[in-house]
C-alpha atoms as a PDB file:
ATOM      1  CA  PHE A   1     -32.341   5.871 -12.973  1.00  0.00           C
ATOM      2  CA  PHE A   2     -29.512   8.353 -12.546  1.00  0.00           C
ATOM      3  CA  ILE A   3     -28.897   7.448  -8.898  1.00  0.00           C
ATOM      4  CA  PHE A   4     -27.878   3.880  -9.651  1.00  0.00           C
ATOM      5  CA  SER A   5     -25.809   5.071 -12.603  1.00  0.00           C
ATOM      6  CA  GLN A   6     -24.003   7.391 -10.201  1.00  0.00           C
ATOM      7  CA  ILE A   7     -23.388   4.499  -7.789  1.00  0.00           C
ATOM      8  CA  GLN A   8     -21.716   2.582 -10.608  1.00  0.00           C
ATOM      9  CA  ALA A   9     -19.661   5.624 -11.535  1.00  0.00           C
ATOM     10  CA  ASN A  10     -18.587   6.039  -7.895  1.00  0.00           C
ATOM     11  CA  HIS A  11     -17.462   2.408  -7.709  1.00  0.00           C
ATOM     12  CA  GLN A  12     -15.408   2.848 -10.869  1.00  0.00           C
ATOM     13  CA  GLN A  13     -13.919   6.080  -9.542  1.00  0.00           C
ATOM     14  CA  LEU A  14     -12.901   4.361  -6.300  1.00  0.00           C
ATOM     15  CA  ASP A  15     -11.330   1.479  -8.247  1.00  0.00           C
ATOM     16  CA  HIS A  16      -9.337   3.936 -10.358  1.00  0.00           C
ATOM     17  CA  TYR A  17      -8.366   5.905  -7.253  1.00  0.00           C
ATOM     18  CA  ARG A  18      -7.028   2.793  -5.495  1.00  0.00           C
ATOM     19  CA  GLU A  19      -5.224   1.687  -8.631  1.00  0.00           C
ATOM     20  CA  SER A  20      -3.605   5.125  -8.949  1.00  0.00           C
ATOM     21  CA  LEU A  21      -2.525   5.106  -5.293  1.00  0.00           C
ATOM     22  CA  GLU A  22      -1.056   1.615  -5.635  1.00  0.00           C
ATOM     23  CA  LYS A  23       0.870   2.549  -8.768  1.00  0.00           C
ATOM     24  CA  ASN A  24       2.264   5.643  -7.044  1.00  0.00           C
ATOM     25  CA  VAL A  25       3.279   3.528  -4.049  1.00  0.00           C
ATOM     26  CA  GLU A  26       4.956   0.917  -6.232  1.00  0.00           C
ATOM     27  CA  SER A  27       6.845   3.602  -8.144  1.00  0.00           C
ATOM     28  CA  SER A  28       7.971   5.156  -4.858  1.00  0.00           C
ATOM     29  CA  LEU A  29       9.115   1.794  -3.449  1.00  0.00           C
ATOM     30  CA  LYS A  30      11.167   1.127  -6.561  1.00  0.00           C
ATOM     31  CA  GLY A  31      12.762   4.566  -6.427  1.00  0.00           C
ATOM     32  CA  GLU A  32      13.663   4.361  -2.752  1.00  0.00           C
ATOM     33  CA  THR A  33      15.073   0.850  -3.145  1.00  0.00           C
ATOM     34  CA  GLN A  34      17.213   2.035  -6.031  1.00  0.00           C
ATOM     35  CA  VAL A  35      18.873   4.497  -3.635  1.00  0.00           C
ATOM     36  CA  ALA A  36      19.693   1.655  -1.241  1.00  0.00           C
ATOM     37  CA  TYR A  37      20.796  -0.558  -4.137  1.00  0.00           C
ATOM     38  CA  SER A  38      23.251   2.139  -5.254  1.00  0.00           C
ATOM     39  CA  ILE A  39      24.841   2.071  -1.793  1.00  0.00           C
ATOM     40  CA  LEU A  40      25.519  -1.654  -2.155  1.00  0.00           C
ATOM     41  CA  ASP A  41      26.947  -1.037  -5.587  1.00  0.00           C
ATOM     42  CA  GLU A  42      29.182   1.757  -4.286  1.00  0.00           C
ATOM     43  CA  PHE A  43      30.793  -0.483  -1.679  1.00  0.00           C
ATOM     44  CA  TYR A  44      31.044  -3.372  -4.129  1.00  0.00           C
ATOM     45  CA  LYS A  45      33.031  -1.121  -6.472  1.00  0.00           C
ATOM     46  CA  LYS A  46      35.378  -0.278  -3.595  1.00  0.00           C
ATOM     47  CA  GLN A  47      35.849  -4.007  -3.109  1.00  0.00           C
ATOM     48  CA  GLN A  48      36.544  -4.401  -6.822  1.00  0.00           C
ATOM     49  CA  ARG A  49      39.163  -1.652  -6.677  1.00  0.00           C
ATOM     50  CA  GLY A  50      40.882  -3.383  -3.763  1.00  0.00           C
ATOM     51  CA  GLU A  51      40.106  -0.571  -1.326  1.00  0.00           C
ATOM     52  CA  LEU A  52      38.102  -2.947   0.878  1.00  0.00           C
ATOM     53  CA  THR A  53      37.915  -6.686   1.366  1.00  0.00           C
ATOM     54  CA  GLN A  54      34.566  -8.301   0.620  1.00  0.00           C
ATOM     55  CA  GLU A  55      33.883  -8.665   4.341  1.00  0.00           C
ATOM     56  CA  GLN A  56      34.674  -4.988   4.972  1.00  0.00           C
ATOM     57  CA  ALA A  57      32.613  -3.840   1.996  1.00  0.00           C
ATOM     58  CA  GLN A  58      29.608  -5.908   3.003  1.00  0.00           C
ATOM     59  CA  LYS A  59      29.725  -4.747   6.626  1.00  0.00           C
ATOM     60  CA  ALA A  60      30.005  -1.091   5.598  1.00  0.00           C
ATOM     61  CA  ALA A  61      27.174  -1.480   3.098  1.00  0.00           C
ATOM     62  CA  ALA A  62      24.953  -3.255   5.640  1.00  0.00           C
ATOM     63  CA  ASP A  63      25.594  -0.538   8.253  1.00  0.00           C
ATOM     64  CA  ALA A  64      24.734   2.197   5.745  1.00  0.00           C
ATOM     65  CA  VAL A  65      21.518   0.513   4.600  1.00  0.00           C
ATOM     66  CA  ARG A  66      20.482  -0.240   8.183  1.00  0.00           C
ATOM     67  CA  ASP A  67      20.558   3.482   9.001  1.00  0.00           C
ATOM     68  CA  LEU A  68      18.889   4.580   5.761  1.00  0.00           C
ATOM     69  CA  ARG A  69      15.378   6.024   6.124  1.00  0.00           C
ATOM     70  CA  TYR A  70      12.731   7.736   4.010  1.00  0.00           C
ATOM     71  CA  ASP A  71       9.141   8.977   4.409  1.00  0.00           C
ATOM     72  CA  ASP A  72       9.965  11.043   7.506  1.00  0.00           C
ATOM     73  CA  GLY A  73      11.811   8.130   9.081  1.00  0.00           C
ATOM     74  CA  LYS A  74       8.999   5.589   8.704  1.00  0.00           C
ATOM     75  CA  GLY A  75      10.458   3.835   5.683  1.00  0.00           C
ATOM     76  CA  TYR A  76      13.344   1.399   6.194  1.00  0.00           C
ATOM     77  CA  PHE A  77      15.171  -1.317   4.255  1.00  0.00           C
ATOM     78  CA  TYR A  78      16.047  -4.950   4.865  1.00  0.00           C
ATOM     79  CA  VAL A  79      18.546  -7.295   3.269  1.00  0.00           C
ATOM     80  CA  ASP A  80      18.545 -11.084   3.102  1.00  0.00           C
ATOM     81  CA  THR A  81      20.848 -13.424   1.233  1.00  0.00           C
ATOM     82  CA  THR A  82      19.384 -15.475  -1.593  1.00  0.00           C
ATOM     83  CA  GLU A  83      19.593 -18.384   0.866  1.00  0.00           C
ATOM     84  CA  GLY A  84      17.278 -16.526   3.266  1.00  0.00           C
ATOM     85  CA  VAL A  85      19.825 -15.460   5.923  1.00  0.00           C
ATOM     86  CA  ASN A  86      18.999 -11.987   7.185  1.00  0.00           C
ATOM     87  CA  VAL A  87      21.716  -9.352   6.886  1.00  0.00           C
ATOM     88  CA  VAL A  88      19.847  -6.140   7.748  1.00  0.00           C
ATOM     89  CA  LEU A  89      16.577  -5.641   9.650  1.00  0.00           C
ATOM     90  CA  LEU A  90      16.621  -2.611  11.939  1.00  0.00           C
ATOM     91  CA  GLY A  91      19.351  -4.166  14.066  1.00  0.00           C
ATOM     92  CA  ARG A  92      16.959  -6.802  15.343  1.00  0.00           C
ATOM     93  CA  ALA A  93      17.925 -10.236  16.634  1.00  0.00           C
ATOM     94  CA  ALA A  94      16.923 -11.695  13.257  1.00  0.00           C
ATOM     95  CA  GLU A  95      20.133 -10.370  11.694  1.00  0.00           C
ATOM     96  CA  GLY A  96      22.535 -13.206  10.998  1.00  0.00           C
ATOM     97  CA  LYS A  97      19.784 -15.825  11.232  1.00  0.00           C
ATOM     98  CA  SER A  98      17.867 -17.669   8.553  1.00  0.00           C
ATOM     99  CA  ARG A  99      14.363 -16.410   7.772  1.00  0.00           C
ATOM    100  CA  ILE A 100      13.804 -18.742   4.839  1.00  0.00           C
ATOM    101  CA  ASP A 101      10.966 -20.614   6.566  1.00  0.00           C
ATOM    102  CA  SER A 102       9.244 -17.500   7.912  1.00  0.00           C
ATOM    103  CA  VAL A 103       5.487 -17.461   7.331  1.00  0.00           C
ATOM    104  CA  ASP A 104       2.931 -14.729   7.815  1.00  0.00           C
ATOM    105  CA  PRO A 105      -0.405 -15.314   9.643  1.00  0.00           C
ATOM    106  CA  GLN A 106      -1.973 -16.440   6.365  1.00  0.00           C
ATOM    107  CA  GLY A 107       0.633 -19.163   5.886  1.00  0.00           C
ATOM    108  CA  LYS A 108       2.633 -17.437   3.155  1.00  0.00           C
ATOM    109  CA  TYR A 109       6.377 -18.176   3.030  1.00  0.00           C
ATOM    110  CA  TYR A 110       7.053 -14.533   2.337  1.00  0.00           C
ATOM    111  CA  ILE A 111      10.864 -14.640   2.445  1.00  0.00           C
ATOM    112  CA  LYS A 112      10.926 -17.378  -0.192  1.00  0.00           C
ATOM    113  CA  GLU A 113       8.464 -15.398  -2.304  1.00  0.00           C
ATOM    114  CA  MET A 114      10.383 -12.127  -1.936  1.00  0.00           C
ATOM    115  CA  ILE A 115      13.616 -13.851  -2.931  1.00  0.00           C
ATOM    116  CA  GLN A 116      11.921 -15.408  -5.952  1.00  0.00           C
ATOM    117  CA  ASN A 117      10.309 -12.112  -7.011  1.00  0.00           C
ATOM    118  CA  SER A 118      13.595 -10.235  -6.599  1.00  0.00           C
ATOM    119  CA  MET A 119      15.117 -12.388  -9.345  1.00  0.00           C
ATOM    120  CA  ALA A 120      12.752 -11.021 -11.986  1.00  0.00           C
ATOM    121  CA  GLU A 121      14.092  -8.310 -14.253  1.00  0.00           C
ATOM    122  CA  GLY A 122      13.590  -5.052 -12.403  1.00  0.00           C
ATOM    123  CA  GLY A 123      12.658  -6.849  -9.179  1.00  0.00           C
ATOM    124  CA  GLY A 124       9.142  -7.665  -8.001  1.00  0.00           C
ATOM    125  CA  PHE A 125       6.373  -7.099  -5.478  1.00  0.00           C
ATOM    126  CA  THR A 126       5.159  -9.360  -2.679  1.00  0.00           C
ATOM    127  CA  ASP A 127       2.010  -8.939  -0.551  1.00  0.00           C
ATOM    128  CA  LEU A 128       2.081 -10.249   3.003  1.00  0.00           C
ATOM    129  CA  MET A 129       0.918  -9.655   6.572  1.00  0.00           C
ATOM    130  CA  PHE A 130       3.546  -8.043   8.795  1.00  0.00           C
ATOM    131  CA  ALA A 131       3.560  -5.973  11.981  1.00  0.00           C
ATOM    132  CA  LYS A 132       4.740  -2.367  11.958  1.00  0.00           C
ATOM    133  CA  PRO A 133       7.882  -1.527  13.987  1.00  0.00           C
ATOM    134  CA  ASN A 134       7.286  -1.676  17.744  1.00  0.00           C
ATOM    135  CA  THR A 135       3.865  -3.302  17.282  1.00  0.00           C
ATOM    136  CA  THR A 136       2.616  -6.889  17.234  1.00  0.00           C
ATOM    137  CA  GLU A 137      -0.547  -6.741  15.094  1.00  0.00           C
ATOM    138  CA  PRO A 138       0.045  -8.087  11.551  1.00  0.00           C
ATOM    139  CA  LEU A 139      -1.253  -5.740   8.858  1.00  0.00           C
ATOM    140  CA  PRO A 140      -1.332  -6.045   5.059  1.00  0.00           C
ATOM    141  CA  LYS A 141       1.943  -4.891   3.526  1.00  0.00           C
ATOM    142  CA  ARG A 142       3.276  -4.609  -0.027  1.00  0.00           C
ATOM    143  CA  ASN A 143       7.007  -5.182  -0.392  1.00  0.00           C
ATOM    144  CA  TYR A 144       9.364  -4.582  -3.276  1.00  0.00           C
ATOM    145  CA  THR A 145      12.595  -6.559  -3.583  1.00  0.00           C
ATOM    146  CA  VAL A 146      15.467  -6.660  -6.035  1.00  0.00           C
ATOM    147  CA  CYS A 147      18.542  -8.890  -6.101  1.00  0.00           C
ATOM    148  CA  PHE A 148      22.053  -7.460  -5.853  1.00  0.00           C
ATOM    149  CA  LYS A 149      23.685 -10.310  -7.729  1.00  0.00           C
ATOM    150  CA  PRO A 150      27.395  -9.641  -6.996  1.00  0.00           C
ATOM    151  CA  TRP A 151      26.788 -10.557  -3.335  1.00  0.00           C
ATOM    152  CA  ASN A 152      23.604 -12.621  -3.755  1.00  0.00           C
ATOM    153  CA  TRP A 153      21.806 -10.146  -1.535  1.00  0.00           C
ATOM    154  CA  VAL A 154      18.094  -9.366  -1.768  1.00  0.00           C
ATOM    155  CA  ILE A 155      17.308  -5.798  -0.743  1.00  0.00           C
ATOM    156  CA  GLY A 156      13.826  -4.441  -0.268  1.00  0.00           C
ATOM    157  CA  THR A 157      11.352  -2.196   1.465  1.00  0.00           C
ATOM    158  CA  GLY A 158       7.580  -1.983   1.797  1.00  0.00           C
ATOM    159  CA  ILE A 159       4.505  -0.037   2.803  1.00  0.00           C
ATOM    160  CA  TRP A 160       1.512  -1.030   4.872  1.00  0.00           C
ATOM    161  CA  ILE A 161      -1.598  -1.107   2.699  1.00  0.00           C
ATOM    162  CA  ASP A 162      -3.822   0.079   5.555  1.00  0.00           C
ATOM    163  CA  ASP A 163      -2.562   3.575   4.670  1.00  0.00           C
ATOM    164  CA  ILE A 164      -4.067   3.155   1.193  1.00  0.00           C
ATOM    165  CA  ASP A 165      -7.240   1.629   2.667  1.00  0.00           C
ATOM    166  CA  ALA A 166      -7.676   4.703   4.878  1.00  0.00           C
ATOM    167  CA  MET A 167      -7.295   7.062   1.907  1.00  0.00           C
ATOM    168  CA  VAL A 168      -9.794   5.054  -0.170  1.00  0.00           C
ATOM    169  CA  ALA A 169     -12.265   5.016   2.745  1.00  0.00           C
ATOM    170  CA  GLU A 170     -11.982   8.805   3.006  1.00  0.00           C
ATOM    171  CA  GLU A 171     -12.631   9.196  -0.725  1.00  0.00           C
ATOM    172  CA  LYS A 172     -15.593   6.812  -0.486  1.00  0.00           C
ATOM    173  CA  ALA A 173     -17.130   8.808   2.370  1.00  0.00           C
ATOM    174  CA  MET A 174     -16.817  12.015   0.341  1.00  0.00           C
ATOM    175  CA  LEU A 175     -18.471  10.434  -2.718  1.00  0.00           C
ATOM    176  CA  GLU A 176     -21.299   9.028  -0.588  1.00  0.00           C
ATOM    177  CA  ALA A 177     -21.928  12.431   0.995  1.00  0.00           C
ATOM    178  CA  GLU A 178     -22.078  14.049  -2.452  1.00  0.00           C
ATOM    179  CA  LEU A 179     -24.469  11.347  -3.693  1.00  0.00           C
ATOM    180  CA  LYS A 180     -26.825  11.781  -0.740  1.00  0.00           C
ATOM    181  CA  SER A 181     -26.834  15.524  -1.302  1.00  0.00           C
ATOM    182  CA  ASP A 182     -27.659  14.972  -4.983  1.00  0.00           C
ATOM    183  CA  ILE A 183     -30.485  12.618  -3.993  1.00  0.00           C
ATOM    184  CA  MET A 184     -32.022  15.228  -1.697  1.00  0.00           C
ATOM    185  CA  VAL A 185     -31.919  17.843  -4.443  1.00  0.00           C
ATOM    186  CA  ALA A 186     -33.297  15.474  -7.094  1.00  0.00           C
ATOM    187  CA  VAL A 187     -36.172  14.251  -4.914  1.00  0.00           C
ATOM    188  CA  THR A 188     -37.087  17.787  -3.892  1.00  0.00           C
ATOM    189  CA  VAL A 189     -37.346  18.763  -7.570  1.00  0.00           C
ATOM    190  CA  MET A 190     -39.361  15.634  -8.385  1.00  0.00           C
ATOM    191  CA  VAL A 191     -41.972  16.058  -5.643  1.00  0.00           C
ATOM    192  CA  ALA A 192     -42.368  19.827  -6.031  1.00  0.00           C
ATOM    193  CA  PRO A 193     -45.171  19.447  -8.642  1.00  0.00           C
ATOM    194  CA  LEU A 194     -46.966  17.002  -6.336  1.00  0.00           C
ATOM    195  CA  GLU A 195     -46.754  19.459  -3.469  1.00  0.00           C
ATOM    196  CA  GLN A 196     -48.195  22.197  -5.671  1.00  0.00           C
ATOM    197  CA  PHE A 197     -50.982  19.907  -6.881  1.00  0.00           C
ATOM    198  CA  LEU A 198     -51.919  19.081  -3.300  1.00  0.00           C
ATOM    199  CA  GLY A 199     -51.742  22.728  -2.398  1.00  0.00           C
ATOM    200  CA  LEU A 200     -49.193  22.109   0.358  1.00  0.00           C
ATOM    201  CA  GLU A 201     -46.574  24.702   1.161  1.00  0.00           C
ATOM    202  CA  GLU A 202     -44.608  22.405   3.455  1.00  0.00           C
ATOM    203  CA  THR A 203     -44.606  18.628   3.372  1.00  0.00           C
ATOM    204  CA  LEU A 204     -42.634  15.633   4.609  1.00  0.00           C
ATOM    205  CA  ILE A 205     -42.832  13.953   1.213  1.00  0.00           C
ATOM    206  CA  ALA A 206     -39.416  15.100  -0.036  1.00  0.00           C
ATOM    207  CA  PRO A 207     -37.305  14.326   3.064  1.00  0.00           C
ATOM    208  CA  VAL A 208     -39.095  11.028   3.750  1.00  0.00           C
ATOM    209  CA  PHE A 209     -38.790   9.884   0.134  1.00  0.00           C
ATOM    210  CA  SER A 210     -35.153  10.993   0.123  1.00  0.00           C
ATOM    211  CA  LEU A 211     -34.409   8.876   3.187  1.00  0.00           C
ATOM    212  CA  ILE A 212     -36.065   5.862   1.545  1.00  0.00           C
ATOM    213  CA  VAL A 213     -33.985   6.302  -1.613  1.00  0.00           C
ATOM    214  CA  ILE A 214     -30.784   6.740   0.430  1.00  0.00           C
ATOM    215  CA  GLN A 215     -31.519   3.489   2.291  1.00  0.00           C
ATOM    216  CA  LEU A 216     -32.070   1.683  -1.017  1.00  0.00           C
ATOM    217  CA  VAL A 217     -28.800   3.108  -2.276  1.00  0.00           C
ATOM    218  CA  SER A 218     -26.962   1.866   0.823  1.00  0.00           C
ATOM    219  CA  LEU A 219     -28.355  -1.641   0.292  1.00  0.00           C
ATOM    220  CA  ASN A 220     -27.102  -1.678  -3.293  1.00  0.00           C
ATOM    221  CA  GLU A 221     -23.556  -0.472  -2.529  1.00  0.00           C
END
């Protein structure tokens, strides 16, 4: 039956859509972090040339990264040492303190995991629950981290996955609306001969049958 085939196709389309969004997000996170990484590298080179002491270079780099934004000011960066001491986090009280034992509401030691993932070639991704700035409700977030080895700093950024969830939900609603419209058309065509046989010009058969099919579709989604 074409309706159930279409349901399957819609599910696959939504899976591909989410996968595409996630890949785009991951690519964007990597690109933005590379900009911040280059700032660290710039000040490290000044240290290497003797223009700045290590302390001066690190402070200047931290100040620059702290002020760095993207995505219309919503995107920001954080820096922790490989030992878990926070260096940069929006100027919050956490700066200068250890976050190594920080856990999210699901019990994940996300700082430890982000440090570990940053050591992989090209950095790595970590999923966790974390509140948006100036809020308290933890939401799913995907973070990307990479290690700046000369200073043993782990720099990263992230995006809240609820943004992706909202986009997928919007796409799902559109596909469902199209499917219901297709069902109405298909049922109308199917019952037309029956209406003619019964000699009825107007009947409730098509809309009632359509509603029944739509309900069955909803149960199988």
